[in-house]
């Protein structure tokens, strides 16, 4: 799961990087890309925190 999230996050960052600029603030697709990037970043942080907690309990 983590690998898929990281891959998708890289793809989103690439898509956002090359997104046409002038209408970005009014563009529903662009706003969705930003929201999806935030969601995936948060999901990765949560999974990494969970792995760290699990590893500390197993040590």
PDB file of N, CA and C in Angstrom:
ATOM      1  N   UNK A   1       0.822  -1.194   0.000  1.00  0.00           N
ATOM      2  CA  UNK A   1       0.000   0.000   0.000  1.00  0.00           C
ATOM      3  C   UNK A   1       0.869   1.262   0.000  1.00  0.00           C
ATOM      4  N   UNK A   2       1.876   1.295   0.852  1.00  0.00           N
ATOM      5  CA  UNK A   2       2.723   2.478   0.942  1.00  0.00           C
ATOM      6  C   UNK A   2       3.405   2.765  -0.383  1.00  0.00           C
ATOM      7  N   UNK A   3       3.902   1.713  -1.041  1.00  0.00           N
ATOM      8  CA  UNK A   3       4.575   1.899  -2.319  1.00  0.00           C
ATOM      9  C   UNK A   3       3.618   2.493  -3.342  1.00  0.00           C
ATOM     10  N   UNK A   4       2.376   2.003  -3.392  1.00  0.00           N
ATOM     11  CA  UNK A   4       1.379   2.537  -4.329  1.00  0.00           C
ATOM     12  C   UNK A   4       1.073   3.996  -4.040  1.00  0.00           C
ATOM     13  N   UNK A   5       0.958   4.356  -2.769  1.00  0.00           N
ATOM     14  CA  UNK A   5       0.690   5.749  -2.394  1.00  0.00           C
ATOM     15  C   UNK A   5       1.848   6.647  -2.808  1.00  0.00           C
ATOM     16  N   UNK A   6       3.070   6.188  -2.576  1.00  0.00           N
ATOM     17  CA  UNK A   6       4.227   6.995  -2.951  1.00  0.00           C
ATOM     18  C   UNK A   6       4.307   7.172  -4.462  1.00  0.00           C
ATOM     19  N   UNK A   7       4.002   6.110  -5.196  1.00  0.00           N
ATOM     20  CA  UNK A   7       4.017   6.177  -6.661  1.00  0.00           C
ATOM     21  C   UNK A   7       2.954   7.158  -7.144  1.00  0.00           C
ATOM     22  N   UNK A   8       1.766   7.064  -6.607  1.00  0.00           N
ATOM     23  CA  UNK A   8       0.675   7.954  -7.014  1.00  0.00           C
ATOM     24  C   UNK A   8       0.995   9.397  -6.638  1.00  0.00           C
ATOM     25  N   UNK A   9       1.605   9.602  -5.476  1.00  0.00           N
ATOM     26  CA  UNK A   9       1.973  10.954  -5.055  1.00  0.00           C
ATOM     27  C   UNK A   9       3.000  11.553  -6.018  1.00  0.00           C
ATOM     28  N   UNK A  10       3.977  10.756  -6.446  1.00  0.00           N
ATOM     29  CA  UNK A  10       4.946  11.239  -7.444  1.00  0.00           C
ATOM     30  C   UNK A  10       4.243  11.619  -8.743  1.00  0.00           C
ATOM     31  N   UNK A  11       3.288  10.785  -9.169  1.00  0.00           N
ATOM     32  CA  UNK A  11       2.540  11.077 -10.399  1.00  0.00           C
ATOM     33  C   UNK A  11       1.738  12.373 -10.270  1.00  0.00           C
ATOM     34  N   UNK A  12       1.088  12.556  -9.120  1.00  0.00           N
ATOM     35  CA  UNK A  12       0.319  13.778  -8.886  1.00  0.00           C
ATOM     36  C   UNK A  12       1.218  15.005  -8.887  1.00  0.00           C
ATOM     37  N   UNK A  13       2.351  14.903  -8.221  1.00  0.00           N
ATOM     38  CA  UNK A  13       3.284  16.029  -8.201  1.00  0.00           C
ATOM     39  C   UNK A  13       3.745  16.382  -9.604  1.00  0.00           C
ATOM     40  N   UNK A  14       3.993  15.388 -10.418  1.00  0.00           N
ATOM     41  CA  UNK A  14       4.410  15.624 -11.797  1.00  0.00           C
ATOM     42  C   UNK A  14       3.284  16.286 -12.597  1.00  0.00           C
ATOM     43  N   UNK A  15       2.069  15.803 -12.411  1.00  0.00           N
ATOM     44  CA  UNK A  15       0.934  16.386 -13.125  1.00  0.00           C
ATOM     45  C   UNK A  15       0.704  17.832 -12.706  1.00  0.00           C
ATOM     46  N   UNK A  16       0.803  18.107 -11.415  1.00  0.00           N
ATOM     47  CA  UNK A  16       0.627  19.473 -10.908  1.00  0.00           C
ATOM     48  C   UNK A  16       1.736  20.380 -11.442  1.00  0.00           C
ATOM     49  N   UNK A  17       2.951  19.866 -11.488  1.00  0.00           N
ATOM     50  CA  UNK A  17       4.092  20.653 -11.953  1.00  0.00           C
ATOM     51  C   UNK A  17       3.870  21.175 -13.373  1.00  0.00           C
ATOM     52  N   UNK A  18       3.270  20.374 -14.235  1.00  0.00           N
ATOM     53  CA  UNK A  18       3.103  20.761 -15.638  1.00  0.00           C
ATOM     54  C   UNK A  18       1.679  21.219 -15.972  1.00  0.00           C
ATOM     55  N   UNK A  19       0.883  21.470 -14.963  1.00  0.00           N
ATOM     56  CA  UNK A  19      -0.491  21.915 -15.188  1.00  0.00           C
ATOM     57  C   UNK A  19      -0.479  23.345 -15.735  1.00  0.00           C
ATOM     58  N   UNK A  20      -1.325  23.638 -16.726  1.00  0.00           N
ATOM     59  CA  UNK A  20      -1.368  25.002 -17.273  1.00  0.00           C
ATOM     60  C   UNK A  20      -1.729  26.015 -16.188  1.00  0.00           C
ATOM     61  N   UNK A  21      -1.031  27.127 -16.178  1.00  0.00           N
ATOM     62  CA  UNK A  21      -1.102  28.058 -15.069  1.00  0.00           C
ATOM     63  C   UNK A  21      -2.238  29.050 -14.964  1.00  0.00           C
ATOM     64  N   UNK A  22      -2.626  29.763 -15.986  1.00  0.00           N
ATOM     65  CA  UNK A  22      -3.455  30.947 -15.798  1.00  0.00           C
ATOM     66  C   UNK A  22      -4.784  30.728 -15.085  1.00  0.00           C
ATOM     67  N   UNK A  23      -5.433  29.599 -15.247  1.00  0.00           N
ATOM     68  CA  UNK A  23      -6.757  29.414 -14.651  1.00  0.00           C
ATOM     69  C   UNK A  23      -6.738  28.438 -13.477  1.00  0.00           C
ATOM     70  N   UNK A  24      -5.569  28.175 -12.935  1.00  0.00           N
ATOM     71  CA  UNK A  24      -5.451  27.142 -11.909  1.00  0.00           C
ATOM     72  C   UNK A  24      -6.375  27.379 -10.714  1.00  0.00           C
ATOM     73  N   UNK A  25      -6.532  28.601 -10.251  1.00  0.00           N
ATOM     74  CA  UNK A  25      -7.376  28.871  -9.093  1.00  0.00           C
ATOM     75  C   UNK A  25      -8.854  28.608  -9.322  1.00  0.00           C
ATOM     76  N   UNK A  26      -9.282  28.594 -10.566  1.00  0.00           N
ATOM     77  CA  UNK A  26     -10.689  28.387 -10.901  1.00  0.00           C
ATOM     78  C   UNK A  26     -10.944  26.998 -11.480  1.00  0.00           C
ATOM     79  N   UNK A  27      -9.956  26.191 -11.529  1.00  0.00           N
ATOM     80  CA  UNK A  27     -10.029  24.914 -12.223  1.00  0.00           C
ATOM     81  C   UNK A  27     -10.357  23.787 -11.242  1.00  0.00           C
ATOM     82  N   UNK A  28     -11.470  23.129 -11.443  1.00  0.00           N
ATOM     83  CA  UNK A  28     -11.913  22.053 -10.558  1.00  0.00           C
ATOM     84  C   UNK A  28     -10.919  20.894 -10.571  1.00  0.00           C
ATOM     85  N   UNK A  29     -10.422  20.525 -11.731  1.00  0.00           N
ATOM     86  CA  UNK A  29      -9.468  19.418 -11.832  1.00  0.00           C
ATOM     87  C   UNK A  29      -8.197  19.726 -11.048  1.00  0.00           C
ATOM     88  N   UNK A  30      -7.698  20.947 -11.153  1.00  0.00           N
ATOM     89  CA  UNK A  30      -6.487  21.325 -10.424  1.00  0.00           C
ATOM     90  C   UNK A  30      -6.725  21.262  -8.921  1.00  0.00           C
ATOM     91  N   UNK A  31      -7.857  21.782  -8.485  1.00  0.00           N
ATOM     92  CA  UNK A  31      -8.194  21.739  -7.056  1.00  0.00           C
ATOM     93  C   UNK A  31      -8.269  20.296  -6.572  1.00  0.00           C
ATOM     94  N   UNK A  32      -8.829  19.406  -7.387  1.00  0.00           N
ATOM     95  CA  UNK A  32      -8.914  17.995  -7.023  1.00  0.00           C
ATOM     96  C   UNK A  32      -7.517  17.390  -6.902  1.00  0.00           C
ATOM     97  N   UNK A  33      -6.628  17.737  -7.837  1.00  0.00           N
ATOM     98  CA  UNK A  33      -5.257  17.230  -7.782  1.00  0.00           C
ATOM     99  C   UNK A  33      -4.582  17.653  -6.476  1.00  0.00           C
ATOM    100  N   UNK A  34      -4.760  18.905  -6.087  1.00  0.00           N
ATOM    101  CA  UNK A  34      -4.169  19.383  -4.834  1.00  0.00           C
ATOM    102  C   UNK A  34      -4.752  18.657  -3.623  1.00  0.00           C
ATOM    103  N   UNK A  35      -6.065  18.461  -3.611  1.00  0.00           N
ATOM    104  CA  UNK A  35      -6.712  17.751  -2.504  1.00  0.00           C
ATOM    105  C   UNK A  35      -6.250  16.300  -2.442  1.00  0.00           C
ATOM    106  N   UNK A  36      -6.107  15.664  -3.592  1.00  0.00           N
ATOM    107  CA  UNK A  36      -5.662  14.273  -3.634  1.00  0.00           C
ATOM    108  C   UNK A  36      -4.218  14.162  -3.143  1.00  0.00           C
ATOM    109  N   UNK A  37      -3.379  15.133  -3.505  1.00  0.00           N
ATOM    110  CA  UNK A  37      -1.996  15.138  -3.035  1.00  0.00           C
ATOM    111  C   UNK A  37      -1.953  15.263  -1.512  1.00  0.00           C
ATOM    112  N   UNK A  38      -2.766  16.126  -0.953  1.00  0.00           N
ATOM    113  CA  UNK A  38      -2.824  16.283   0.501  1.00  0.00           C
ATOM    114  C   UNK A  38      -3.299  14.992   1.161  1.00  0.00           C
ATOM    115  N   UNK A  39      -4.343  14.384   0.588  1.00  0.00           N
ATOM    116  CA  UNK A  39      -4.887  13.144   1.144  1.00  0.00           C
ATOM    117  C   UNK A  39      -3.839  12.037   1.146  1.00  0.00           C
ATOM    118  N   UNK A  40      -3.135  11.867   0.033  1.00  0.00           N
ATOM    119  CA  UNK A  40      -2.112  10.830  -0.057  1.00  0.00           C
ATOM    120  C   UNK A  40      -0.937  11.114   0.875  1.00  0.00           C
ATOM    121  N   UNK A  41      -0.538  12.357   0.976  1.00  0.00           N
ATOM    122  CA  UNK A  41       0.553  12.720   1.895  1.00  0.00           C
ATOM    123  C   UNK A  41       0.172  12.381   3.332  1.00  0.00           C
ATOM    124  N   UNK A  42      -1.041  12.708   3.708  1.00  0.00           N
ATOM    125  CA  UNK A  42      -1.505  12.399   5.063  1.00  0.00           C
ATOM    126  C   UNK A  42      -1.583  10.898   5.298  1.00  0.00           C
ATOM    127  N   UNK A  43      -2.045  10.160   4.303  1.00  0.00           N
ATOM    128  CA  UNK A  43      -2.131   8.706   4.409  1.00  0.00           C
ATOM    129  C   UNK A  43      -0.748   8.099   4.594  1.00  0.00           C
ATOM    130  N   UNK A  44       0.226   8.584   3.841  1.00  0.00           N
ATOM    131  CA  UNK A  44       1.599   8.086   3.987  1.00  0.00           C
ATOM    132  C   UNK A  44       2.171   8.413   5.357  1.00  0.00           C
ATOM    133  N   UNK A  45       1.927   9.631   5.833  1.00  0.00           N
ATOM    134  CA  UNK A  45       2.423  10.008   7.164  1.00  0.00           C
ATOM    135  C   UNK A  45       1.829   9.101   8.233  1.00  0.00           C
ATOM    136  N   UNK A  46       0.509   8.856   8.131  1.00  0.00           N
ATOM    137  CA  UNK A  46      -0.155   7.992   9.109  1.00  0.00           C
ATOM    138  C   UNK A  46       0.407   6.577   9.075  1.00  0.00           C
ATOM    139  N   UNK A  47       0.643   6.048   7.878  1.00  0.00           N
ATOM    140  CA  UNK A  47       1.164   4.684   7.785  1.00  0.00           C
ATOM    141  C   UNK A  47       2.597   4.617   8.296  1.00  0.00           C
ATOM    142  N   UNK A  48       3.401   5.647   8.030  1.00  0.00           N
ATOM    143  CA  UNK A  48       4.775   5.666   8.541  1.00  0.00           C
ATOM    144  C   UNK A  48       4.792   5.776  10.064  1.00  0.00           C
ATOM    145  N   UNK A  49       3.911   6.581  10.617  1.00  0.00           N
ATOM    146  CA  UNK A  49       3.815   6.704  12.074  1.00  0.00           C
ATOM    147  C   UNK A  49       3.395   5.365  12.681  1.00  0.00           C
ATOM    148  N   UNK A  50       2.429   4.698  12.026  1.00  0.00           N
ATOM    149  CA  UNK A  50       1.992   3.386  12.504  1.00  0.00           C
ATOM    150  C   UNK A  50       3.112   2.367  12.457  1.00  0.00           C
ATOM    151  N   UNK A  51       3.915   2.383  11.400  1.00  0.00           N
ATOM    152  CA  UNK A  51       5.050   1.457  11.293  1.00  0.00           C
ATOM    153  C   UNK A  51       6.085   1.749  12.362  1.00  0.00           C
ATOM    154  N   UNK A  52       6.353   3.021  12.618  1.00  0.00           N
ATOM    155  CA  UNK A  52       7.306   3.377  13.664  1.00  0.00           C
ATOM    156  C   UNK A  52       6.835   2.896  15.033  1.00  0.00           C
ATOM    157  N   UNK A  53       5.554   3.074  15.298  1.00  0.00           N
ATOM    158  CA  UNK A  53       4.992   2.629  16.583  1.00  0.00           C
ATOM    159  C   UNK A  53       5.075   1.111  16.697  1.00  0.00           C
ATOM    160  N   UNK A  54       4.766   0.420  15.607  1.00  0.00           N
ATOM    161  CA  UNK A  54       4.831  -1.040  15.613  1.00  0.00           C
ATOM    162  C   UNK A  54       6.261  -1.520  15.825  1.00  0.00           C
ATOM    163  N   UNK A  55       7.204  -0.891  15.140  1.00  0.00           N
ATOM    164  CA  UNK A  55       8.610  -1.265  15.294  1.00  0.00           C
ATOM    165  C   UNK A  55       9.110  -1.010  16.713  1.00  0.00           C
ATOM    166  N   UNK A  56       8.671   0.074  17.328  1.00  0.00           N
ATOM    167  CA  UNK A  56       9.144   0.362  18.689  1.00  0.00           C
ATOM    168  C   UNK A  56       8.563  -0.629  19.689  1.00  0.00           C
ATOM    169  N   UNK A  57       7.362  -1.134  19.428  1.00  0.00           N
ATOM    170  CA  UNK A  57       6.776  -2.140  20.316  1.00  0.00           C
ATOM    171  C   UNK A  57       7.448  -3.500  20.153  1.00  0.00           C
ATOM    172  N   UNK A  58       7.943  -3.757  18.958  1.00  0.00           N
ATOM    173  CA  UNK A  58       8.580  -5.049  18.676  1.00  0.00           C
ATOM    174  C   UNK A  58      10.033  -5.093  19.115  1.00  0.00           C
ATOM    175  N   UNK A  59      10.603  -3.944  19.420  1.00  0.00           N
ATOM    176  CA  UNK A  59      12.030  -3.906  19.789  1.00  0.00           C
ATOM    177  C   UNK A  59      12.229  -4.263  21.239  1.00  0.00           C
TER     178      UNK A  59
END
